Amino acid sequence: MRFNTKRLAIRPMTPDDLSASFEHRSCALTSRYIGEPATYEQAKTRLLEGCQPWQAQENERLALAITLQSNGRLIGELMFKYVNKASLIGEIGYRLHKDFIGQGYAFEAVSLFVERLFVEQEVMKITALCAIENIASWKLMEKLGMQREGHLRRHFQLSTQRSDAYYYGLCRDE
């Protein structure tokens, strides 16, 4: 899957993205609501998994690079996976480099990503999860038109404590 927005080019991840991917995956700020910052080996493993041809199997990740059109710099990543293929339910995820948060890049990338998923994939519902403390993420989900469907108690282990999560969903016909 490839597409462009006004400022961004979204494309499949490649092994050449390792350095930039490790930079944001190892950052404590951008990892604080996801888990521990990644080691180099963890980032490499995740990247190489994401570079494999996507077969659209349940729980298999489609990994896409969010890059600037102006210079090709990788500033983040998008992810989609089927969590229940028989019911055509998928989950999205996203992450940005700390220097690009709060500038509208996430909405620009994720909104078109969701639109393209509904058009190009057999998916009836797209879901997303976030730690309830991750206000920017759940506000983005709401801006995308996603509905809060659940509050999952002590769902994530973040650092030394457990965190509740919000569960959001958006159906194709909404």
N, C-alpha and C. Protein backbone atom coordinates (compact mmCIF):
# COMPACT_ATOMS: atom_id res chain seq x y z
N MET A 1 0.86 -1.17 0.00
CA MET A 1 0.00 0.00 0.00
C MET A 1 0.90 1.23 0.00
N ARG A 2 0.62 2.13 -0.89
CA ARG A 2 1.33 3.41 -1.00
C ARG A 2 0.29 4.51 -1.24
N PHE A 3 0.52 5.67 -0.62
CA PHE A 3 -0.32 6.82 -0.90
C PHE A 3 0.37 8.07 -0.40
N ASN A 4 -0.08 9.19 -0.92
CA ASN A 4 0.46 10.49 -0.54
C ASN A 4 -0.65 11.35 0.04
N THR A 5 -0.26 12.19 0.99
CA THR A 5 -1.13 13.23 1.50
C THR A 5 -0.51 14.56 1.05
N LYS A 6 -1.01 15.64 1.56
CA LYS A 6 -0.48 16.95 1.19
C LYS A 6 1.02 17.06 1.50
N ARG A 7 1.43 16.55 2.67
CA ARG A 7 2.83 16.69 3.08
C ARG A 7 3.59 15.38 3.21
N LEU A 8 2.89 14.26 3.11
CA LEU A 8 3.49 12.98 3.44
C LEU A 8 3.44 11.98 2.30
N ALA A 9 4.39 11.08 2.30
CA ALA A 9 4.38 9.92 1.42
C ALA A 9 4.37 8.69 2.33
N ILE A 10 3.38 7.85 2.16
CA ILE A 10 3.25 6.64 2.95
C ILE A 10 3.63 5.48 2.04
N ARG A 11 4.53 4.63 2.54
CA ARG A 11 5.06 3.55 1.72
C ARG A 11 5.41 2.36 2.61
N PRO A 12 5.64 1.19 2.01
CA PRO A 12 6.08 0.04 2.80
C PRO A 12 7.43 0.32 3.47
N MET A 13 7.63 -0.28 4.63
CA MET A 13 8.91 -0.18 5.32
C MET A 13 9.97 -0.94 4.52
N THR A 14 11.22 -0.50 4.62
CA THR A 14 12.35 -1.20 4.00
C THR A 14 13.46 -1.36 5.03
N PRO A 15 14.40 -2.27 4.81
CA PRO A 15 15.53 -2.41 5.74
C PRO A 15 16.33 -1.11 5.91
N ASP A 16 16.31 -0.24 4.92
CA ASP A 16 17.02 1.04 5.03
C ASP A 16 16.40 1.97 6.08
N ASP A 17 15.20 1.65 6.56
CA ASP A 17 14.51 2.47 7.56
C ASP A 17 14.95 2.16 8.99
N LEU A 18 15.87 1.22 9.17
CA LEU A 18 16.21 0.77 10.51
C LEU A 18 16.69 1.90 11.42
N SER A 19 17.60 2.71 10.97
CA SER A 19 18.14 3.77 11.83
C SER A 19 17.04 4.74 12.28
N ALA A 20 16.23 5.19 11.35
CA ALA A 20 15.16 6.14 11.69
C ALA A 20 14.09 5.47 12.54
N SER A 21 13.78 4.23 12.25
CA SER A 21 12.78 3.51 13.04
C SER A 21 13.28 3.30 14.47
N PHE A 22 14.53 2.92 14.60
CA PHE A 22 15.12 2.74 15.94
C PHE A 22 15.10 4.05 16.72
N GLU A 23 15.33 5.16 16.04
CA GLU A 23 15.35 6.46 16.71
C GLU A 23 14.03 6.73 17.43
N HIS A 24 12.89 6.51 16.79
CA HIS A 24 11.64 6.78 17.49
C HIS A 24 11.17 5.61 18.35
N ARG A 25 11.53 4.40 18.01
CA ARG A 25 11.14 3.25 18.83
C ARG A 25 11.93 3.19 20.15
N SER A 26 13.12 3.76 20.16
CA SER A 26 13.96 3.75 21.37
C SER A 26 13.74 4.98 22.25
N CYS A 27 12.92 5.88 21.80
CA CYS A 27 12.68 7.14 22.51
C CYS A 27 11.70 6.92 23.67
N ALA A 28 12.12 7.30 24.86
CA ALA A 28 11.26 7.13 26.05
C ALA A 28 9.97 7.94 25.91
N LEU A 29 10.04 9.12 25.32
CA LEU A 29 8.85 9.97 25.17
C LEU A 29 7.80 9.31 24.28
N THR A 30 8.20 8.79 23.13
CA THR A 30 7.23 8.21 22.20
C THR A 30 6.85 6.78 22.57
N SER A 31 7.57 6.17 23.49
CA SER A 31 7.25 4.81 23.93
C SER A 31 6.47 4.77 25.23
N ARG A 32 6.34 5.88 25.91
CA ARG A 32 5.80 5.86 27.28
C ARG A 32 4.40 5.29 27.39
N TYR A 33 3.60 5.36 26.34
CA TYR A 33 2.25 4.81 26.39
C TYR A 33 2.13 3.48 25.64
N ILE A 34 3.26 2.97 25.16
CA ILE A 34 3.26 1.74 24.38
C ILE A 34 3.97 0.62 25.13
N GLY A 35 5.06 0.95 25.77
CA GLY A 35 5.87 -0.03 26.48
C GLY A 35 7.28 0.50 26.64
N GLU A 36 8.18 -0.37 27.01
CA GLU A 36 9.56 0.02 27.19
C GLU A 36 10.16 0.44 25.85
N PRO A 37 11.05 1.43 25.85
CA PRO A 37 11.74 1.78 24.60
C PRO A 37 12.44 0.54 24.03
N ALA A 38 12.44 0.44 22.73
CA ALA A 38 13.01 -0.73 22.06
C ALA A 38 14.53 -0.68 22.06
N THR A 39 15.12 -1.86 22.16
CA THR A 39 16.55 -1.99 21.93
C THR A 39 16.78 -2.00 20.43
N TYR A 40 18.02 -1.89 20.04
CA TYR A 40 18.35 -1.93 18.61
C TYR A 40 17.89 -3.26 18.01
N GLU A 41 18.14 -4.36 18.71
CA GLU A 41 17.77 -5.68 18.19
C GLU A 41 16.25 -5.83 18.09
N GLN A 42 15.52 -5.29 19.07
CA GLN A 42 14.05 -5.35 19.01
C GLN A 42 13.52 -4.54 17.83
N ALA A 43 14.08 -3.34 17.64
CA ALA A 43 13.66 -2.50 16.51
C ALA A 43 13.98 -3.18 15.18
N LYS A 44 15.15 -3.80 15.11
CA LYS A 44 15.55 -4.50 13.88
C LYS A 44 14.61 -5.67 13.59
N THR A 45 14.30 -6.46 14.62
CA THR A 45 13.40 -7.59 14.43
C THR A 45 12.03 -7.13 13.96
N ARG A 46 11.48 -6.10 14.61
CA ARG A 46 10.16 -5.58 14.22
C ARG A 46 10.19 -5.04 12.79
N LEU A 47 11.25 -4.31 12.45
CA LEU A 47 11.35 -3.76 11.10
C LEU A 47 11.43 -4.87 10.06
N LEU A 48 12.27 -5.86 10.29
CA LEU A 48 12.42 -6.93 9.31
C LEU A 48 11.12 -7.73 9.16
N GLU A 49 10.37 -7.90 10.24
CA GLU A 49 9.06 -8.53 10.14
C GLU A 49 8.14 -7.69 9.25
N GLY A 50 8.21 -6.37 9.44
CA GLY A 50 7.37 -5.47 8.66
C GLY A 50 7.75 -5.35 7.20
N CYS A 51 8.95 -5.78 6.86
CA CYS A 51 9.41 -5.72 5.47
C CYS A 51 8.99 -6.95 4.65
N GLN A 52 8.48 -7.96 5.32
CA GLN A 52 8.04 -9.17 4.62
C GLN A 52 6.76 -8.87 3.84
N PRO A 53 6.56 -9.55 2.73
CA PRO A 53 5.31 -9.35 1.99
C PRO A 53 4.10 -9.65 2.89
N TRP A 54 3.15 -8.75 2.91
CA TRP A 54 1.98 -8.88 3.76
C TRP A 54 0.98 -9.83 3.11
N GLN A 55 0.55 -10.84 3.85
CA GLN A 55 -0.38 -11.84 3.34
C GLN A 55 -1.80 -11.65 3.88
N ALA A 56 -2.01 -10.63 4.70
CA ALA A 56 -3.33 -10.32 5.28
C ALA A 56 -3.87 -11.46 6.15
N GLN A 57 -2.97 -12.13 6.84
CA GLN A 57 -3.37 -13.18 7.77
C GLN A 57 -3.70 -12.55 9.13
N GLU A 58 -4.53 -13.21 9.91
CA GLU A 58 -4.90 -12.71 11.23
C GLU A 58 -3.64 -12.48 12.08
N ASN A 59 -3.57 -11.30 12.69
CA ASN A 59 -2.48 -10.85 13.56
C ASN A 59 -1.15 -10.60 12.85
N GLU A 60 -1.12 -10.65 11.54
CA GLU A 60 0.06 -10.31 10.77
C GLU A 60 0.03 -8.80 10.50
N ARG A 61 1.12 -8.12 10.79
CA ARG A 61 1.15 -6.66 10.68
C ARG A 61 1.53 -6.19 9.27
N LEU A 62 0.74 -5.24 8.79
CA LEU A 62 1.10 -4.44 7.62
C LEU A 62 1.78 -3.21 8.19
N ALA A 63 3.06 -3.03 7.89
CA ALA A 63 3.83 -1.90 8.43
C ALA A 63 4.15 -0.92 7.32
N LEU A 64 3.81 0.34 7.55
CA LEU A 64 4.06 1.39 6.56
C LEU A 64 4.86 2.52 7.18
N ALA A 65 5.73 3.10 6.37
CA ALA A 65 6.55 4.23 6.78
C ALA A 65 5.80 5.53 6.49
N ILE A 66 5.84 6.44 7.44
CA ILE A 66 5.33 7.80 7.24
C ILE A 66 6.57 8.65 6.95
N THR A 67 6.65 9.18 5.73
CA THR A 67 7.80 9.98 5.35
C THR A 67 7.36 11.36 4.87
N LEU A 68 8.27 12.32 5.00
CA LEU A 68 8.01 13.66 4.48
C LEU A 68 8.20 13.66 2.97
N GLN A 69 7.25 14.23 2.25
CA GLN A 69 7.41 14.33 0.80
C GLN A 69 8.59 15.22 0.43
N SER A 70 8.85 16.24 1.25
CA SER A 70 9.88 17.22 0.92
C SER A 70 11.29 16.63 0.88
N ASN A 71 11.58 15.65 1.75
CA ASN A 71 12.95 15.13 1.79
C ASN A 71 13.04 13.62 2.01
N GLY A 72 11.91 12.94 2.11
CA GLY A 72 11.91 11.49 2.29
C GLY A 72 12.21 11.00 3.69
N ARG A 73 12.35 11.91 4.65
CA ARG A 73 12.70 11.50 6.01
C ARG A 73 11.56 10.69 6.63
N LEU A 74 11.90 9.56 7.24
CA LEU A 74 10.93 8.75 7.95
C LEU A 74 10.64 9.43 9.28
N ILE A 75 9.36 9.76 9.51
CA ILE A 75 8.98 10.44 10.76
C ILE A 75 8.03 9.62 11.61
N GLY A 76 7.67 8.44 11.13
CA GLY A 76 6.76 7.61 11.91
C GLY A 76 6.35 6.37 11.16
N GLU A 77 5.43 5.64 11.78
CA GLU A 77 4.98 4.38 11.21
C GLU A 77 3.48 4.20 11.42
N LEU A 78 2.89 3.46 10.50
CA LEU A 78 1.49 3.04 10.59
C LEU A 78 1.46 1.52 10.61
N MET A 79 0.45 0.98 11.24
CA MET A 79 0.31 -0.47 11.31
C MET A 79 -1.17 -0.83 11.18
N PHE A 80 -1.42 -1.93 10.48
CA PHE A 80 -2.74 -2.53 10.41
C PHE A 80 -2.59 -4.03 10.54
N LYS A 81 -3.52 -4.65 11.26
CA LYS A 81 -3.59 -6.11 11.31
C LYS A 81 -5.04 -6.52 11.52
N TYR A 82 -5.37 -7.67 10.95
CA TYR A 82 -6.67 -8.25 11.23
C TYR A 82 -6.61 -8.89 12.61
N VAL A 83 -7.52 -8.51 13.48
CA VAL A 83 -7.60 -9.15 14.80
C VAL A 83 -8.67 -10.24 14.82
N ASN A 84 -9.58 -10.20 13.86
CA ASN A 84 -10.58 -11.23 13.68
C ASN A 84 -10.91 -11.25 12.19
N LYS A 85 -10.18 -12.04 11.44
CA LYS A 85 -10.32 -12.04 9.99
C LYS A 85 -11.71 -12.52 9.57
N ALA A 86 -12.24 -13.53 10.24
CA ALA A 86 -13.56 -14.06 9.88
C ALA A 86 -14.64 -12.99 10.00
N SER A 87 -14.50 -12.11 10.98
CA SER A 87 -15.48 -11.03 11.17
C SER A 87 -15.06 -9.74 10.49
N LEU A 88 -13.92 -9.75 9.79
CA LEU A 88 -13.40 -8.60 9.05
C LEU A 88 -13.14 -7.40 9.97
N ILE A 89 -12.55 -7.68 11.13
CA ILE A 89 -12.21 -6.63 12.09
C ILE A 89 -10.70 -6.47 12.12
N GLY A 90 -10.25 -5.24 11.94
CA GLY A 90 -8.83 -4.93 11.95
C GLY A 90 -8.50 -3.90 13.01
N GLU A 91 -7.23 -3.78 13.30
CA GLU A 91 -6.74 -2.81 14.27
C GLU A 91 -5.65 -1.97 13.63
N ILE A 92 -5.67 -0.68 13.93
CA ILE A 92 -4.60 0.21 13.46
C ILE A 92 -3.74 0.64 14.64
N GLY A 93 -2.54 1.06 14.30
CA GLY A 93 -1.64 1.67 15.26
C GLY A 93 -0.80 2.70 14.54
N TYR A 94 -0.22 3.60 15.30
CA TYR A 94 0.58 4.66 14.70
C TYR A 94 1.58 5.16 15.73
N ARG A 95 2.68 5.71 15.22
CA ARG A 95 3.73 6.24 16.07
C ARG A 95 4.47 7.31 15.27
N LEU A 96 4.77 8.42 15.92
CA LEU A 96 5.54 9.49 15.28
C LEU A 96 6.82 9.77 16.06
N HIS A 97 7.81 10.24 15.35
CA HIS A 97 9.04 10.75 15.97
C HIS A 97 8.66 11.95 16.84
N LYS A 98 9.31 12.10 17.97
CA LYS A 98 8.94 13.16 18.93
C LYS A 98 8.98 14.56 18.33
N ASP A 99 9.85 14.80 17.37
CA ASP A 99 9.96 16.14 16.77
C ASP A 99 8.80 16.49 15.85
N PHE A 100 7.93 15.52 15.57
CA PHE A 100 6.85 15.76 14.61
C PHE A 100 5.46 15.62 15.24
N ILE A 101 5.42 15.45 16.54
CA ILE A 101 4.15 15.35 17.26
C ILE A 101 3.52 16.74 17.39
N GLY A 102 2.21 16.82 17.27
CA GLY A 102 1.49 18.07 17.47
C GLY A 102 1.46 18.98 16.26
N GLN A 103 1.81 18.46 15.09
CA GLN A 103 1.83 19.29 13.88
C GLN A 103 0.82 18.81 12.83
N GLY A 104 -0.07 17.92 13.23
CA GLY A 104 -1.11 17.45 12.32
C GLY A 104 -0.70 16.29 11.43
N TYR A 105 0.53 15.81 11.55
CA TYR A 105 0.98 14.71 10.69
C TYR A 105 0.23 13.41 10.97
N ALA A 106 -0.04 13.13 12.25
CA ALA A 106 -0.74 11.88 12.59
C ALA A 106 -2.12 11.86 11.96
N PHE A 107 -2.88 12.93 12.12
CA PHE A 107 -4.22 12.96 11.53
C PHE A 107 -4.14 12.86 10.01
N GLU A 108 -3.20 13.56 9.42
CA GLU A 108 -3.05 13.54 7.96
C GLU A 108 -2.79 12.12 7.46
N ALA A 109 -1.90 11.41 8.14
CA ALA A 109 -1.55 10.05 7.72
C ALA A 109 -2.65 9.05 8.06
N VAL A 110 -3.13 9.08 9.29
CA VAL A 110 -4.07 8.05 9.75
C VAL A 110 -5.43 8.20 9.09
N SER A 111 -5.89 9.41 8.86
CA SER A 111 -7.21 9.57 8.25
C SER A 111 -7.25 8.98 6.84
N LEU A 112 -6.22 9.21 6.05
CA LEU A 112 -6.19 8.63 4.70
C LEU A 112 -5.92 7.12 4.77
N PHE A 113 -5.14 6.69 5.74
CA PHE A 113 -4.88 5.26 5.94
C PHE A 113 -6.20 4.53 6.19
N VAL A 114 -7.00 5.04 7.09
CA VAL A 114 -8.30 4.42 7.40
C VAL A 114 -9.18 4.39 6.15
N GLU A 115 -9.23 5.51 5.45
CA GLU A 115 -10.03 5.58 4.22
C GLU A 115 -9.58 4.53 3.22
N ARG A 116 -8.27 4.41 3.03
CA ARG A 116 -7.73 3.45 2.07
C ARG A 116 -7.99 2.00 2.51
N LEU A 117 -7.88 1.74 3.81
CA LEU A 117 -8.16 0.39 4.31
C LEU A 117 -9.58 -0.02 3.99
N PHE A 118 -10.53 0.88 4.22
CA PHE A 118 -11.93 0.55 3.94
C PHE A 118 -12.17 0.31 2.45
N VAL A 119 -11.44 0.99 1.59
CA VAL A 119 -11.61 0.84 0.15
C VAL A 119 -10.85 -0.38 -0.38
N GLU A 120 -9.63 -0.58 0.08
CA GLU A 120 -8.74 -1.58 -0.52
C GLU A 120 -8.72 -2.93 0.18
N GLN A 121 -9.17 -3.00 1.41
CA GLN A 121 -9.12 -4.25 2.16
C GLN A 121 -10.54 -4.70 2.51
N GLU A 122 -10.66 -5.99 2.72
CA GLU A 122 -11.91 -6.52 3.21
C GLU A 122 -11.92 -6.31 4.72
N VAL A 123 -12.44 -5.18 5.13
CA VAL A 123 -12.52 -4.86 6.55
C VAL A 123 -13.83 -4.12 6.79
N MET A 124 -14.57 -4.59 7.77
CA MET A 124 -15.85 -3.96 8.10
C MET A 124 -15.72 -3.00 9.28
N LYS A 125 -14.73 -3.26 10.13
CA LYS A 125 -14.55 -2.43 11.32
C LYS A 125 -13.07 -2.28 11.60
N ILE A 126 -12.68 -1.05 11.92
CA ILE A 126 -11.30 -0.75 12.31
C ILE A 126 -11.32 -0.33 13.76
N THR A 127 -10.43 -0.93 14.54
CA THR A 127 -10.34 -0.64 15.96
C THR A 127 -8.97 -0.07 16.30
N ALA A 128 -8.87 0.51 17.49
CA ALA A 128 -7.60 1.01 18.00
C ALA A 128 -7.67 1.03 19.52
N LEU A 129 -6.54 0.85 20.14
CA LEU A 129 -6.40 0.88 21.60
C LEU A 129 -5.38 1.93 21.98
N CYS A 130 -5.57 2.53 23.14
CA CYS A 130 -4.53 3.41 23.67
C CYS A 130 -4.66 3.49 25.19
N ALA A 131 -3.55 3.77 25.83
CA ALA A 131 -3.57 4.01 27.27
C ALA A 131 -4.42 5.25 27.52
N ILE A 132 -5.22 5.24 28.58
CA ILE A 132 -6.11 6.37 28.81
C ILE A 132 -5.33 7.66 29.07
N GLU A 133 -4.10 7.55 29.52
CA GLU A 133 -3.27 8.75 29.73
C GLU A 133 -2.80 9.36 28.42
N ASN A 134 -2.89 8.62 27.33
CA ASN A 134 -2.44 9.10 26.03
C ASN A 134 -3.55 9.93 25.38
N ILE A 135 -3.74 11.10 25.94
CA ILE A 135 -4.84 11.99 25.52
C ILE A 135 -4.75 12.33 24.04
N ALA A 136 -3.56 12.60 23.55
CA ALA A 136 -3.41 12.95 22.13
C ALA A 136 -3.90 11.83 21.23
N SER A 137 -3.63 10.58 21.62
CA SER A 137 -4.04 9.45 20.80
C SER A 137 -5.55 9.28 20.79
N TRP A 138 -6.19 9.30 21.96
CA TRP A 138 -7.64 9.09 21.93
C TRP A 138 -8.37 10.29 21.33
N LYS A 139 -7.80 11.49 21.45
CA LYS A 139 -8.41 12.63 20.76
C LYS A 139 -8.29 12.49 19.24
N LEU A 140 -7.17 11.93 18.79
CA LEU A 140 -7.01 11.67 17.36
C LEU A 140 -8.06 10.66 16.89
N MET A 141 -8.24 9.60 17.66
CA MET A 141 -9.25 8.59 17.29
C MET A 141 -10.63 9.23 17.18
N GLU A 142 -10.96 10.08 18.12
CA GLU A 142 -12.27 10.75 18.08
C GLU A 142 -12.37 11.69 16.88
N LYS A 143 -11.28 12.38 16.57
CA LYS A 143 -11.26 13.27 15.40
C LYS A 143 -11.45 12.47 14.11
N LEU A 144 -10.99 11.22 14.11
CA LEU A 144 -11.16 10.34 12.95
C LEU A 144 -12.59 9.81 12.83
N GLY A 145 -13.41 10.07 13.85
CA GLY A 145 -14.78 9.60 13.84
C GLY A 145 -14.96 8.27 14.56
N MET A 146 -13.91 7.78 15.19
CA MET A 146 -14.00 6.53 15.93
C MET A 146 -14.80 6.76 17.21
N GLN A 147 -15.51 5.74 17.63
CA GLN A 147 -16.33 5.80 18.84
C GLN A 147 -15.64 5.02 19.95
N ARG A 148 -15.66 5.59 21.15
CA ARG A 148 -15.11 4.86 22.30
C ARG A 148 -16.10 3.76 22.65
N GLU A 149 -15.63 2.53 22.58
CA GLU A 149 -16.48 1.37 22.82
C GLU A 149 -16.18 0.65 24.12
N GLY A 150 -15.06 1.00 24.73
CA GLY A 150 -14.74 0.29 25.96
C GLY A 150 -13.65 0.94 26.77
N HIS A 151 -13.67 0.61 28.02
CA HIS A 151 -12.63 1.02 28.98
C HIS A 151 -12.09 -0.28 29.56
N LEU A 152 -10.87 -0.62 29.21
CA LEU A 152 -10.26 -1.87 29.62
C LEU A 152 -9.37 -1.62 30.83
N ARG A 153 -9.74 -2.20 31.94
CA ARG A 153 -9.02 -1.95 33.19
C ARG A 153 -7.69 -2.70 33.24
N ARG A 154 -6.65 -1.97 33.67
CA ARG A 154 -5.30 -2.50 33.84
C ARG A 154 -4.87 -3.34 32.63
N HIS A 155 -5.06 -2.81 31.46
CA HIS A 155 -4.84 -3.53 30.20
C HIS A 155 -3.37 -3.55 29.76
N PHE A 156 -2.65 -2.48 30.00
CA PHE A 156 -1.25 -2.37 29.56
C PHE A 156 -0.30 -2.38 30.75
N GLN A 157 0.84 -3.01 30.57
CA GLN A 157 1.94 -2.88 31.53
C GLN A 157 2.85 -1.80 30.95
N LEU A 158 2.89 -0.65 31.60
CA LEU A 158 3.71 0.46 31.15
C LEU A 158 4.72 0.76 32.24
N SER A 159 5.97 0.49 31.95
CA SER A 159 7.04 0.67 32.92
C SER A 159 6.75 -0.20 34.15
N THR A 160 6.63 0.41 35.30
CA THR A 160 6.43 -0.37 36.53
C THR A 160 4.97 -0.43 36.97
N GLN A 161 4.06 0.11 36.18
CA GLN A 161 2.65 0.10 36.59
C GLN A 161 1.74 -0.36 35.47
N ARG A 162 0.55 -0.73 35.83
CA ARG A 162 -0.46 -1.12 34.86
C ARG A 162 -1.29 0.11 34.52
N SER A 163 -1.77 0.15 33.28
CA SER A 163 -2.56 1.29 32.82
C SER A 163 -3.84 0.79 32.19
N ASP A 164 -4.91 1.53 32.41
CA ASP A 164 -6.16 1.26 31.73
C ASP A 164 -6.04 1.68 30.26
N ALA A 165 -6.92 1.15 29.44
CA ALA A 165 -6.91 1.48 28.02
C ALA A 165 -8.32 1.84 27.56
N TYR A 166 -8.37 2.67 26.53
CA TYR A 166 -9.62 2.93 25.83
C TYR A 166 -9.59 2.12 24.54
N TYR A 167 -10.74 1.60 24.18
CA TYR A 167 -10.91 0.82 22.96
C TYR A 167 -11.86 1.60 22.06
N TYR A 168 -11.42 1.87 20.84
CA TYR A 168 -12.20 2.64 19.87
C TYR A 168 -12.51 1.80 18.65
N GLY A 169 -13.60 2.13 17.98
CA GLY A 169 -13.95 1.43 16.74
C GLY A 169 -14.64 2.36 15.75
N LEU A 170 -14.49 2.00 14.50
CA LEU A 170 -15.14 2.71 13.39
C LEU A 170 -15.58 1.67 12.38
N CYS A 171 -16.86 1.66 12.06
CA CYS A 171 -17.40 0.72 11.09
C CYS A 171 -17.39 1.34 9.69
N ARG A 172 -17.28 0.49 8.71
CA ARG A 172 -17.20 0.93 7.31
C ARG A 172 -18.34 1.86 6.94
N ASP A 173 -19.54 1.59 7.41
CA ASP A 173 -20.71 2.36 6.98
C ASP A 173 -20.95 3.60 7.82
N GLU A 174 -20.05 3.97 8.67
CA GLU A 174 -20.25 5.17 9.50
C GLU A 174 -19.61 6.39 8.86
